[in-house]
Amino acid sequence: MSFNHGKTLKNGVALCVLAGLISGCTNTGDLMNSLNSLNSLSALNSGAKKFDVTYLKQTIYPGKTTKTQITQMFGAPSTQELNSTSTSNESNWTYAKQEEGLDRYMKLANKYVSDETRMKMYDASAQIAKVQKVASDVSSATGTNTSQGQAQGTVLTIYFVDDVVKYYRVY
């Protein structure tokens, strides 16, 4: 075996280990559970539920939930905006999935690694995205998609009036 083949094998094994860590360990051995856990990388992001419509309906109550409660549940937002023309102190907070979890750590890591390693990380991310798409397609074809998996977005915007939730949007 040449040096390049050994290096490729080593990278492949490392990618498999990474994919296994990302997808989480499942004790059931059920293939569909494994594919569904791969479909959501929320294990690396404790606040990933904030993009799940079902969860939001159970936790955010317009007219009642406050900014303090939102911060306790989801942490600091990606962006904050204040409507300076409003007389009722309107503002909105946005949480973006690409600014959290694995994506945030990948962006940070890209600052400190060599170009070669950066390309390998990009390739690994692309492979993981392909696997997630296959898992989604398999779930769709076998009818094992859950309504929870279908009711998720990548951006959550919460609109406030006087520090109380007015309404929210997930898209």
Protein backbone atom coordinates (compact mmCIF):
# COMPACT_ATOMS: atom_id res chain seq x y z
CA MET A 1 0.00 0.00 0.00
CA SER A 2 1.45 3.36 -1.00
CA PHE A 3 1.68 6.35 1.31
CA ASN A 4 -1.22 8.12 -0.45
CA HIS A 5 -3.52 5.11 -0.10
CA GLY A 6 -2.67 4.85 3.60
CA LYS A 7 -3.36 8.55 4.06
CA THR A 8 -6.68 8.24 2.18
CA LEU A 9 -7.66 5.27 4.33
CA LYS A 10 -6.73 7.18 7.48
CA ASN A 11 -8.82 10.19 6.35
CA GLY A 12 -11.74 7.91 5.50
CA VAL A 13 -11.64 6.28 8.91
CA ALA A 14 -11.44 9.70 10.57
CA LEU A 15 -14.45 10.86 8.53
CA CYS A 16 -16.43 7.77 9.57
CA VAL A 17 -15.57 8.38 13.23
CA LEU A 18 -16.60 12.04 12.87
CA ALA A 19 -19.88 11.05 11.22
CA GLY A 20 -20.51 8.55 14.00
CA LEU A 21 -19.90 11.16 16.68
CA ILE A 22 -22.12 13.68 14.92
CA SER A 23 -24.99 11.29 14.41
CA GLY A 24 -24.87 10.16 18.03
CA CYS A 25 -24.92 6.69 19.44
CA THR A 26 -28.09 4.67 19.12
CA ASN A 27 -28.58 1.62 21.30
CA THR A 28 -31.52 0.25 19.35
CA GLY A 29 -29.56 -0.66 16.26
CA ASP A 30 -32.53 0.53 14.21
CA LEU A 31 -31.29 1.86 10.86
CA MET A 32 -34.06 4.43 10.54
CA ASN A 33 -33.33 5.87 13.99
CA SER A 34 -29.70 6.17 12.99
CA LEU A 35 -30.60 7.88 9.73
CA ASN A 36 -32.99 10.25 11.48
CA SER A 37 -30.35 11.19 14.04
CA LEU A 38 -27.94 11.85 11.19
CA ASN A 39 -30.60 14.03 9.61
CA SER A 40 -30.33 16.41 12.57
CA LEU A 41 -26.98 17.53 13.93
CA SER A 42 -28.68 19.06 16.94
CA ALA A 43 -26.61 17.00 19.36
CA LEU A 44 -23.82 19.56 18.94
CA ASN A 45 -26.18 22.43 19.60
CA SER A 46 -28.15 22.39 22.82
CA GLY A 47 -30.49 25.12 21.53
CA ALA A 48 -31.32 23.44 18.23
CA LYS A 49 -34.92 22.90 19.33
CA LYS A 50 -35.51 26.58 18.72
CA PHE A 51 -35.89 25.80 14.99
CA ASP A 52 -38.59 23.17 15.63
CA VAL A 53 -42.10 24.59 15.20
CA THR A 54 -43.70 22.03 17.52
CA TYR A 55 -41.27 22.89 20.32
CA LEU A 56 -41.77 26.63 19.80
CA LYS A 57 -45.55 26.30 20.05
CA GLN A 58 -45.06 24.65 23.45
CA THR A 59 -42.56 27.17 24.83
CA ILE A 60 -43.19 30.65 23.38
CA TYR A 61 -46.47 32.34 24.20
CA PRO A 62 -47.10 35.66 22.42
CA GLY A 63 -48.09 38.33 24.91
CA LYS A 64 -46.55 36.41 27.82
CA THR A 65 -43.00 35.19 27.11
CA THR A 66 -40.33 37.83 27.84
CA LYS A 67 -36.90 38.60 26.41
CA THR A 68 -35.33 37.30 29.61
CA GLN A 69 -37.11 33.96 29.23
CA ILE A 70 -36.08 33.74 25.55
CA THR A 71 -32.46 34.41 26.52
CA GLN A 72 -32.61 31.69 29.18
CA MET A 73 -34.05 29.19 26.69
CA PHE A 74 -32.02 30.01 23.56
CA GLY A 75 -29.09 32.20 24.58
CA ALA A 76 -28.05 35.38 22.83
CA PRO A 77 -29.47 35.94 19.34
CA SER A 78 -27.35 36.10 16.17
CA THR A 79 -28.69 39.61 15.49
CA GLN A 80 -30.82 42.16 17.30
CA GLU A 81 -32.76 44.99 15.69
CA LEU A 82 -34.61 47.93 17.21
CA ASN A 83 -37.39 49.72 15.36
CA SER A 84 -36.48 53.32 16.09
CA THR A 85 -39.66 54.64 14.44
CA SER A 86 -41.90 52.66 16.73
CA THR A 87 -43.54 54.34 19.69
CA SER A 88 -44.07 50.99 21.45
CA ASN A 89 -40.43 49.93 21.77
CA GLU A 90 -40.55 47.22 19.07
CA SER A 91 -37.54 45.03 18.41
CA ASN A 92 -36.70 41.66 16.94
CA TRP A 93 -34.12 38.97 17.57
CA THR A 94 -32.92 36.54 14.96
CA TYR A 95 -31.35 33.14 15.55
CA ALA A 96 -29.65 31.57 12.51
CA LYS A 97 -28.82 27.87 12.48
CA GLN A 98 -25.64 28.42 10.46
CA GLU A 99 -24.33 30.60 13.30
CA GLU A 100 -24.64 27.80 15.83
CA GLY A 101 -23.46 24.31 16.67
CA LEU A 102 -21.13 22.50 14.31
CA ASP A 103 -21.20 25.29 11.73
CA ARG A 104 -19.97 27.83 14.27
CA TYR A 105 -17.10 25.56 15.32
CA MET A 106 -16.19 24.82 11.69
CA LYS A 107 -16.00 28.55 10.91
CA LEU A 108 -13.83 29.10 13.96
CA ALA A 109 -11.56 26.17 13.12
CA ASN A 110 -11.12 27.44 9.55
CA LYS A 111 -9.33 30.50 10.90
CA TYR A 112 -6.56 28.44 12.47
CA VAL A 113 -5.85 25.55 10.10
CA SER A 114 -3.80 25.20 6.96
CA ASP A 115 -5.34 25.50 3.50
CA GLU A 116 -4.99 21.73 3.01
CA THR A 117 -6.83 20.99 6.25
CA ARG A 118 -9.47 23.61 5.42
CA MET A 119 -10.16 21.82 2.13
CA LYS A 120 -10.42 18.47 3.92
CA MET A 121 -12.88 19.99 6.39
CA TYR A 122 -14.93 21.38 3.49
CA ASP A 123 -14.92 17.98 1.80
CA ALA A 124 -16.00 16.27 5.04
CA SER A 125 -18.84 18.78 5.47
CA ALA A 126 -19.95 18.18 1.89
CA GLN A 127 -19.96 14.41 2.46
CA ILE A 128 -21.99 14.82 5.65
CA ALA A 129 -24.49 17.01 3.76
CA LYS A 130 -24.80 14.28 1.10
CA VAL A 131 -25.41 11.64 3.77
CA GLN A 132 -28.06 13.85 5.40
CA LYS A 133 -29.79 14.24 2.02
CA VAL A 134 -29.73 10.47 1.46
CA ALA A 135 -31.12 9.92 4.97
CA SER A 136 -33.89 12.42 4.25
CA ASP A 137 -34.66 10.75 0.91
CA VAL A 138 -34.74 7.29 2.54
CA SER A 139 -37.06 8.61 5.25
CA SER A 140 -39.36 10.10 2.62
CA ALA A 141 -39.37 6.94 0.51
CA THR A 142 -40.08 4.66 3.45
CA GLY A 143 -42.67 6.96 4.99
CA THR A 144 -40.75 7.35 8.23
CA ASN A 145 -40.50 11.14 8.15
CA THR A 146 -41.86 12.59 11.35
CA SER A 147 -43.97 15.72 11.38
CA GLN A 148 -41.41 17.16 13.76
CA GLY A 149 -38.65 16.63 11.19
CA GLN A 150 -40.72 18.37 8.54
CA ALA A 151 -41.62 21.39 10.69
CA GLN A 152 -38.17 22.86 11.13
CA GLY A 153 -36.48 25.90 9.72
CA THR A 154 -33.04 27.41 9.71
CA VAL A 155 -33.90 30.92 10.90
CA LEU A 156 -36.03 31.97 13.86
CA THR A 157 -37.05 35.61 14.23
CA ILE A 158 -38.84 36.70 17.37
CA TYR A 159 -40.65 40.04 17.38
CA PHE A 160 -41.04 41.91 20.67
CA VAL A 161 -43.08 44.84 21.93
CA ASP A 162 -41.89 46.28 25.26
CA ASP A 163 -39.71 43.20 25.93
CA VAL A 164 -42.62 40.74 25.50
CA VAL A 165 -43.02 38.41 22.50
CA LYS A 166 -45.47 39.79 19.95
CA TYR A 167 -45.02 36.88 17.50
CA TYR A 168 -42.31 34.72 15.93
CA ARG A 169 -41.46 33.26 12.52
CA VAL A 170 -39.49 30.19 11.52
CA TYR A 171 -38.31 29.84 7.94
